[in-house]
């Protein structure tokens, strides 16, 4: 079994996510509660960081904008979006993130993350991607 198919299998069989507030620091919890946009995507997806202004495609709602939320791919509605695409500034499910990486060449476009990225972290990942492609 190849590495990507084994990783895909393991990520698809993860346990359902529970509420994210248990994993946040008190400051992040206050930020999530004081954000002026829509408060949640569902019972378990609090908005911690608003969508990046350059996110593509610009879906209505928060599709692809929240770590652990709904996949950014238009034809996909899976949750547990834990792959971050450094080119589109969106979160993807494991299956779509691995599929994107199959065709992205030597350097992966999608990386696995473990938290909602800030806009500065997103920009840093994009800069790193461009540097990897130049070398």
N, C-alpha and C. Protein backbone atom coordinates (compact mmCIF):
# COMPACT_ATOMS: atom_id res chain seq x y z
N UNK A 1 0.86 -1.18 0.00
CA UNK A 1 0.00 0.00 0.00
C UNK A 1 0.90 1.23 0.00
N UNK A 2 0.61 2.20 -0.85
CA UNK A 2 1.44 3.40 -0.93
C UNK A 2 1.21 4.29 0.28
N UNK A 3 2.14 5.21 0.48
CA UNK A 3 2.05 6.13 1.61
C UNK A 3 0.78 6.96 1.54
N UNK A 4 0.45 7.52 0.36
CA UNK A 4 -0.72 8.40 0.27
C UNK A 4 -2.02 7.64 0.49
N UNK A 5 -2.12 6.41 -0.01
CA UNK A 5 -3.36 5.67 0.21
C UNK A 5 -3.49 5.23 1.67
N UNK A 6 -2.36 4.92 2.31
CA UNK A 6 -2.39 4.56 3.74
C UNK A 6 -2.78 5.78 4.58
N UNK A 7 -2.21 6.95 4.26
CA UNK A 7 -2.55 8.18 4.98
C UNK A 7 -4.02 8.52 4.78
N UNK A 8 -4.49 8.40 3.56
CA UNK A 8 -5.89 8.68 3.26
C UNK A 8 -6.80 7.75 4.07
N UNK A 9 -6.46 6.46 4.12
CA UNK A 9 -7.26 5.50 4.88
C UNK A 9 -7.31 5.87 6.35
N UNK A 10 -6.15 6.21 6.92
CA UNK A 10 -6.10 6.54 8.34
C UNK A 10 -6.88 7.81 8.65
N UNK A 11 -6.78 8.82 7.79
CA UNK A 11 -7.47 10.08 8.05
C UNK A 11 -8.98 9.96 7.87
N UNK A 12 -9.43 9.13 6.95
CA UNK A 12 -10.88 8.95 6.75
C UNK A 12 -11.54 8.23 7.91
N UNK A 13 -10.79 7.44 8.67
CA UNK A 13 -11.36 6.68 9.77
C UNK A 13 -11.13 7.34 11.13
N UNK A 14 -10.95 8.65 11.13
CA UNK A 14 -10.79 9.36 12.40
C UNK A 14 -12.12 9.43 13.12
N UNK A 15 -12.05 9.58 14.41
CA UNK A 15 -13.27 9.73 15.20
C UNK A 15 -13.88 11.11 14.93
N UNK A 16 -15.19 11.25 15.06
CA UNK A 16 -15.82 12.55 14.84
C UNK A 16 -15.24 13.61 15.79
N UNK A 17 -15.15 14.82 15.29
CA UNK A 17 -14.61 15.91 16.11
C UNK A 17 -15.61 16.28 17.19
N UNK A 18 -15.09 16.69 18.30
CA UNK A 18 -15.94 17.25 19.35
C UNK A 18 -15.78 18.75 19.29
N UNK A 19 -16.46 19.47 20.13
CA UNK A 19 -16.36 20.93 20.14
C UNK A 19 -14.92 21.39 20.26
N UNK A 20 -14.58 22.47 19.58
CA UNK A 20 -13.21 22.96 19.56
C UNK A 20 -12.87 23.82 20.78
N UNK A 21 -13.86 24.28 21.54
CA UNK A 21 -13.57 25.17 22.65
C UNK A 21 -12.68 24.53 23.70
N UNK A 22 -12.71 23.22 23.84
CA UNK A 22 -11.84 22.56 24.82
C UNK A 22 -10.37 22.66 24.45
N UNK A 23 -10.05 22.87 23.17
CA UNK A 23 -8.67 22.92 22.71
C UNK A 23 -8.13 24.35 22.62
N UNK A 24 -8.97 25.34 22.82
CA UNK A 24 -8.55 26.73 22.65
C UNK A 24 -8.06 27.33 23.96
N UNK A 25 -7.13 28.27 23.85
CA UNK A 25 -6.70 29.03 25.02
C UNK A 25 -7.81 29.99 25.40
N UNK A 26 -7.80 30.53 26.63
CA UNK A 26 -8.84 31.49 27.01
C UNK A 26 -8.92 32.69 26.07
N UNK A 27 -7.78 33.17 25.58
CA UNK A 27 -7.78 34.31 24.66
C UNK A 27 -8.46 33.93 23.35
N UNK A 28 -8.17 32.75 22.81
CA UNK A 28 -8.80 32.30 21.58
C UNK A 28 -10.30 32.10 21.77
N UNK A 29 -10.70 31.63 22.97
CA UNK A 29 -12.12 31.46 23.24
C UNK A 29 -12.83 32.81 23.22
N UNK A 30 -12.22 33.84 23.82
CA UNK A 30 -12.82 35.18 23.81
C UNK A 30 -12.91 35.70 22.38
N UNK A 31 -11.86 35.47 21.58
CA UNK A 31 -11.88 35.93 20.19
C UNK A 31 -13.00 35.25 19.42
N UNK A 32 -13.18 33.96 19.65
CA UNK A 32 -14.23 33.22 18.95
C UNK A 32 -15.61 33.74 19.36
N UNK A 33 -15.76 34.11 20.61
CA UNK A 33 -17.05 34.58 21.08
C UNK A 33 -17.32 36.03 20.71
N UNK A 34 -16.27 36.83 20.45
CA UNK A 34 -16.47 38.23 20.15
C UNK A 34 -16.40 38.54 18.67
N UNK A 35 -16.11 37.55 17.82
CA UNK A 35 -16.09 37.77 16.37
C UNK A 35 -17.47 38.24 15.93
N UNK A 36 -17.52 39.30 15.11
CA UNK A 36 -18.80 39.92 14.78
C UNK A 36 -19.56 39.24 13.65
N UNK A 37 -18.94 38.27 12.97
CA UNK A 37 -19.62 37.54 11.90
C UNK A 37 -20.51 36.45 12.48
N UNK A 38 -20.98 35.55 11.62
CA UNK A 38 -21.78 34.43 12.13
C UNK A 38 -20.97 33.62 13.15
N UNK A 39 -21.59 33.26 14.26
CA UNK A 39 -20.86 32.64 15.35
C UNK A 39 -20.45 31.21 15.08
N UNK A 40 -21.28 30.45 14.41
CA UNK A 40 -20.93 29.04 14.20
C UNK A 40 -21.35 28.58 12.82
N UNK A 41 -20.77 27.49 12.40
CA UNK A 41 -21.16 26.84 11.16
C UNK A 41 -22.11 25.71 11.49
N UNK A 42 -22.03 25.22 12.63
CA UNK A 42 -22.84 24.13 13.11
C UNK A 42 -22.57 24.04 14.60
N UNK A 43 -23.05 23.06 15.26
CA UNK A 43 -22.85 22.99 16.70
C UNK A 43 -21.39 22.83 17.11
N UNK A 44 -20.53 22.30 16.22
CA UNK A 44 -19.15 22.02 16.61
C UNK A 44 -18.10 22.84 15.87
N UNK A 45 -18.48 23.89 15.14
CA UNK A 45 -17.51 24.63 14.36
C UNK A 45 -17.52 26.12 14.70
N UNK A 46 -16.93 26.51 15.83
CA UNK A 46 -16.89 27.94 16.14
C UNK A 46 -15.93 28.66 15.21
N UNK A 47 -16.26 29.90 14.88
CA UNK A 47 -15.41 30.71 14.01
C UNK A 47 -14.32 31.33 14.88
N UNK A 48 -13.07 30.95 14.63
CA UNK A 48 -11.95 31.49 15.39
C UNK A 48 -11.24 32.56 14.57
N UNK A 49 -11.02 32.28 13.29
CA UNK A 49 -10.36 33.22 12.40
C UNK A 49 -11.28 33.44 11.19
N UNK A 50 -11.59 34.69 10.84
CA UNK A 50 -12.43 34.92 9.65
C UNK A 50 -11.71 34.46 8.38
N UNK A 51 -12.44 34.19 7.30
CA UNK A 51 -11.81 33.71 6.07
C UNK A 51 -10.75 34.69 5.55
N UNK A 52 -9.71 34.14 4.92
CA UNK A 52 -8.66 34.97 4.34
C UNK A 52 -9.26 35.75 3.16
N UNK A 53 -8.90 37.02 2.99
CA UNK A 53 -9.50 37.81 1.89
C UNK A 53 -9.19 37.28 0.49
N UNK A 54 -8.11 36.49 0.33
CA UNK A 54 -7.74 35.97 -0.98
C UNK A 54 -8.19 34.52 -1.20
N UNK A 55 -9.04 33.99 -0.31
CA UNK A 55 -9.48 32.59 -0.42
C UNK A 55 -10.23 32.37 -1.72
N UNK A 56 -9.92 31.22 -2.37
CA UNK A 56 -10.57 30.87 -3.62
C UNK A 56 -11.11 29.45 -3.52
N UNK A 57 -12.26 29.15 -4.05
CA UNK A 57 -13.29 30.08 -4.50
C UNK A 57 -14.00 30.71 -3.31
N UNK A 58 -14.64 31.80 -3.55
CA UNK A 58 -15.29 32.54 -2.47
C UNK A 58 -16.70 31.98 -2.27
N UNK A 59 -16.78 30.84 -1.58
CA UNK A 59 -18.07 30.18 -1.33
C UNK A 59 -18.92 31.03 -0.39
N UNK A 60 -20.23 30.92 -0.54
CA UNK A 60 -21.13 31.53 0.42
C UNK A 60 -20.99 30.80 1.75
N UNK A 61 -21.13 31.50 2.83
CA UNK A 61 -20.98 30.89 4.15
C UNK A 61 -19.51 30.68 4.47
N UNK A 62 -19.20 29.61 5.20
CA UNK A 62 -17.84 29.38 5.66
C UNK A 62 -17.26 28.08 5.12
N UNK A 63 -17.74 27.63 3.98
CA UNK A 63 -17.23 26.41 3.36
C UNK A 63 -15.75 26.59 3.04
N UNK A 64 -14.90 25.73 3.60
CA UNK A 64 -13.47 25.79 3.36
C UNK A 64 -12.73 26.84 4.14
N UNK A 65 -13.41 27.56 5.02
CA UNK A 65 -12.78 28.66 5.76
C UNK A 65 -12.44 28.30 7.19
N UNK A 66 -12.89 27.14 7.66
CA UNK A 66 -12.71 26.78 9.07
C UNK A 66 -12.02 25.44 9.18
N UNK A 67 -10.96 25.38 9.97
CA UNK A 67 -10.28 24.12 10.23
C UNK A 67 -11.26 23.15 10.86
N UNK A 68 -11.35 21.95 10.31
CA UNK A 68 -12.27 20.94 10.83
C UNK A 68 -13.68 21.10 10.32
N UNK A 69 -13.93 22.11 9.50
CA UNK A 69 -15.27 22.36 8.97
C UNK A 69 -15.50 21.62 7.66
N UNK A 70 -16.28 22.23 6.78
CA UNK A 70 -16.66 21.63 5.51
C UNK A 70 -15.56 21.87 4.47
N UNK A 71 -15.28 20.86 3.66
CA UNK A 71 -14.24 20.90 2.62
C UNK A 71 -14.49 22.05 1.64
N UNK A 72 -13.41 22.67 1.16
CA UNK A 72 -13.48 23.81 0.25
C UNK A 72 -13.85 23.41 -1.18
N UNK A 73 -13.70 22.14 -1.55
CA UNK A 73 -14.01 21.72 -2.91
C UNK A 73 -15.50 21.88 -3.17
N UNK A 74 -15.85 22.49 -4.28
CA UNK A 74 -17.25 22.81 -4.59
C UNK A 74 -18.14 21.57 -4.58
N UNK A 75 -17.66 20.46 -5.13
CA UNK A 75 -18.48 19.24 -5.24
C UNK A 75 -18.42 18.37 -3.99
N UNK A 76 -17.79 18.83 -2.92
CA UNK A 76 -17.62 18.02 -1.72
C UNK A 76 -18.29 18.69 -0.51
N UNK A 77 -18.93 17.91 0.31
CA UNK A 77 -19.54 18.44 1.53
C UNK A 77 -19.07 17.69 2.77
N UNK A 78 -17.92 17.02 2.67
CA UNK A 78 -17.39 16.31 3.83
C UNK A 78 -16.90 17.30 4.88
N UNK A 79 -16.97 16.88 6.13
CA UNK A 79 -16.41 17.68 7.20
C UNK A 79 -15.01 17.16 7.54
N UNK A 80 -14.43 17.64 8.60
CA UNK A 80 -13.06 17.28 9.02
C UNK A 80 -12.03 17.80 8.03
N UNK A 81 -12.20 19.02 7.56
CA UNK A 81 -11.25 19.62 6.63
C UNK A 81 -9.99 20.00 7.40
N UNK A 82 -8.95 19.17 7.28
CA UNK A 82 -7.73 19.37 8.05
C UNK A 82 -6.51 19.57 7.16
N UNK A 83 -6.69 19.59 5.85
CA UNK A 83 -5.61 19.88 4.93
C UNK A 83 -5.76 21.34 4.50
N UNK A 84 -4.69 22.10 4.62
CA UNK A 84 -4.71 23.51 4.22
C UNK A 84 -4.03 23.65 2.86
N UNK A 85 -4.71 24.25 1.89
CA UNK A 85 -4.15 24.47 0.56
C UNK A 85 -3.45 25.82 0.55
N UNK A 86 -2.15 25.78 0.34
CA UNK A 86 -1.34 27.00 0.41
C UNK A 86 -1.57 27.92 -0.78
N UNK A 87 -2.23 27.45 -1.83
CA UNK A 87 -2.51 28.27 -2.99
C UNK A 87 -3.88 28.92 -2.97
N UNK A 88 -4.88 28.21 -2.41
CA UNK A 88 -6.25 28.74 -2.40
C UNK A 88 -6.67 29.30 -1.05
N UNK A 89 -5.83 29.16 -0.03
CA UNK A 89 -6.12 29.63 1.33
C UNK A 89 -7.36 28.94 1.90
N UNK A 90 -7.63 27.71 1.49
CA UNK A 90 -8.81 26.99 1.96
C UNK A 90 -8.45 25.67 2.62
N UNK A 91 -9.39 25.15 3.42
CA UNK A 91 -9.23 23.87 4.10
C UNK A 91 -9.96 22.78 3.31
N UNK A 92 -9.32 21.61 3.16
CA UNK A 92 -9.87 20.50 2.39
C UNK A 92 -9.92 19.25 3.25
N UNK A 93 -10.84 18.34 2.91
CA UNK A 93 -10.91 17.04 3.59
C UNK A 93 -9.69 16.22 3.18
N UNK A 94 -9.42 15.13 3.89
CA UNK A 94 -8.23 14.31 3.64
C UNK A 94 -8.22 13.76 2.21
N UNK A 95 -9.34 13.26 1.75
CA UNK A 95 -9.37 12.65 0.42
C UNK A 95 -9.04 13.68 -0.67
N UNK A 96 -9.62 14.87 -0.58
CA UNK A 96 -9.36 15.89 -1.60
C UNK A 96 -7.97 16.49 -1.46
N UNK A 97 -7.49 16.67 -0.23
CA UNK A 97 -6.14 17.19 -0.02
C UNK A 97 -5.09 16.26 -0.61
N UNK A 98 -5.25 14.96 -0.41
CA UNK A 98 -4.31 13.99 -0.96
C UNK A 98 -4.41 13.95 -2.48
N UNK A 99 -5.63 14.05 -3.01
CA UNK A 99 -5.81 14.05 -4.47
C UNK A 99 -5.15 15.28 -5.09
N UNK A 100 -5.27 16.43 -4.47
CA UNK A 100 -4.63 17.65 -4.98
C UNK A 100 -3.12 17.47 -4.99
N UNK A 101 -2.58 16.89 -3.93
CA UNK A 101 -1.13 16.70 -3.83
C UNK A 101 -0.59 15.73 -4.87
N UNK A 102 -1.40 14.80 -5.35
CA UNK A 102 -0.94 13.86 -6.37
C UNK A 102 -0.52 14.58 -7.65
N UNK A 103 -1.16 15.71 -7.91
CA UNK A 103 -0.92 16.44 -9.16
C UNK A 103 -0.18 17.76 -8.95
N UNK A 104 0.31 18.00 -7.75
CA UNK A 104 0.94 19.29 -7.49
C UNK A 104 2.44 19.31 -7.74
N UNK A 105 3.00 18.21 -8.20
CA UNK A 105 4.43 18.18 -8.52
C UNK A 105 5.28 17.83 -7.32
N UNK A 106 6.50 18.35 -7.33
CA UNK A 106 7.49 17.99 -6.31
C UNK A 106 7.12 18.48 -4.91
N UNK A 107 6.49 19.63 -4.83
CA UNK A 107 6.15 20.23 -3.53
C UNK A 107 4.63 20.21 -3.33
N UNK A 108 4.16 19.69 -2.20
CA UNK A 108 2.71 19.58 -1.99
C UNK A 108 2.04 20.94 -1.83
N UNK A 109 0.87 21.07 -2.43
CA UNK A 109 0.07 22.28 -2.23
C UNK A 109 -0.66 22.22 -0.89
N UNK A 110 -1.17 21.04 -0.54
CA UNK A 110 -1.95 20.87 0.69
C UNK A 110 -1.07 20.30 1.79
N UNK A 111 -1.15 20.92 2.96
CA UNK A 111 -0.40 20.44 4.12
C UNK A 111 -1.39 20.16 5.25
N UNK A 112 -1.04 19.21 6.09
CA UNK A 112 -1.90 18.89 7.24
C UNK A 112 -1.61 19.91 8.34
N UNK A 113 -2.67 20.49 8.90
CA UNK A 113 -2.53 21.43 10.00
C UNK A 113 -3.35 20.92 11.18
N UNK A 114 -3.07 21.47 12.36
CA UNK A 114 -3.78 21.00 13.55
C UNK A 114 -4.56 22.09 14.27
N UNK A 115 -4.71 23.25 13.65
CA UNK A 115 -5.47 24.35 14.26
C UNK A 115 -5.89 25.34 13.18
N UNK A 116 -6.81 26.24 13.53
CA UNK A 116 -7.17 27.32 12.62
C UNK A 116 -5.96 28.23 12.45
N UNK A 117 -5.54 28.44 11.22
CA UNK A 117 -4.39 29.29 10.96
C UNK A 117 -4.79 30.76 10.97
N UNK A 118 -3.92 31.59 11.50
CA UNK A 118 -4.15 33.04 11.43
C UNK A 118 -3.80 33.49 10.01
N UNK A 119 -4.18 34.70 9.66
CA UNK A 119 -3.86 35.21 8.32
C UNK A 119 -2.35 35.31 8.13
N UNK A 120 -1.61 35.66 9.18
CA UNK A 120 -0.15 35.73 9.08
C UNK A 120 0.44 34.34 8.81
N UNK A 121 -0.08 33.31 9.48
CA UNK A 121 0.39 31.95 9.25
C UNK A 121 0.07 31.50 7.82
N UNK A 122 -1.13 31.85 7.34
CA UNK A 122 -1.50 31.49 5.97
C UNK A 122 -0.55 32.13 4.97
N UNK A 123 -0.26 33.43 5.17
CA UNK A 123 0.64 34.13 4.26
C UNK A 123 2.05 33.53 4.32
N UNK A 124 2.50 33.14 5.52
CA UNK A 124 3.82 32.53 5.66
C UNK A 124 3.89 31.19 4.92
N UNK A 125 2.83 30.39 5.01
CA UNK A 125 2.79 29.11 4.28
C UNK A 125 2.83 29.34 2.77
N UNK A 126 2.13 30.36 2.30
CA UNK A 126 2.13 30.67 0.87
C UNK A 126 3.51 31.12 0.41
N UNK A 127 4.17 31.97 1.20
CA UNK A 127 5.53 32.41 0.86
C UNK A 127 6.48 31.21 0.81
N UNK A 128 6.35 30.31 1.77
CA UNK A 128 7.19 29.11 1.81
C UNK A 128 6.96 28.26 0.56
N UNK A 129 5.71 28.13 0.14
CA UNK A 129 5.39 27.36 -1.06
C UNK A 129 6.08 27.97 -2.28
N UNK A 130 6.01 29.29 -2.42
CA UNK A 130 6.65 29.95 -3.56
C UNK A 130 8.17 29.77 -3.53
N UNK A 131 8.76 29.84 -2.33
CA UNK A 131 10.20 29.63 -2.21
C UNK A 131 10.58 28.20 -2.59
N UNK A 132 9.77 27.21 -2.16
CA UNK A 132 10.04 25.81 -2.52
C UNK A 132 9.97 25.62 -4.03
N UNK A 133 9.01 26.27 -4.68
CA UNK A 133 8.85 26.11 -6.11
C UNK A 133 9.98 26.77 -6.89
N UNK A 134 10.53 27.87 -6.35
CA UNK A 134 11.65 28.55 -7.01
C UNK A 134 12.93 27.75 -6.94
N UNK A 135 13.11 26.98 -5.88
CA UNK A 135 14.37 26.24 -5.72
C UNK A 135 14.41 24.95 -6.50
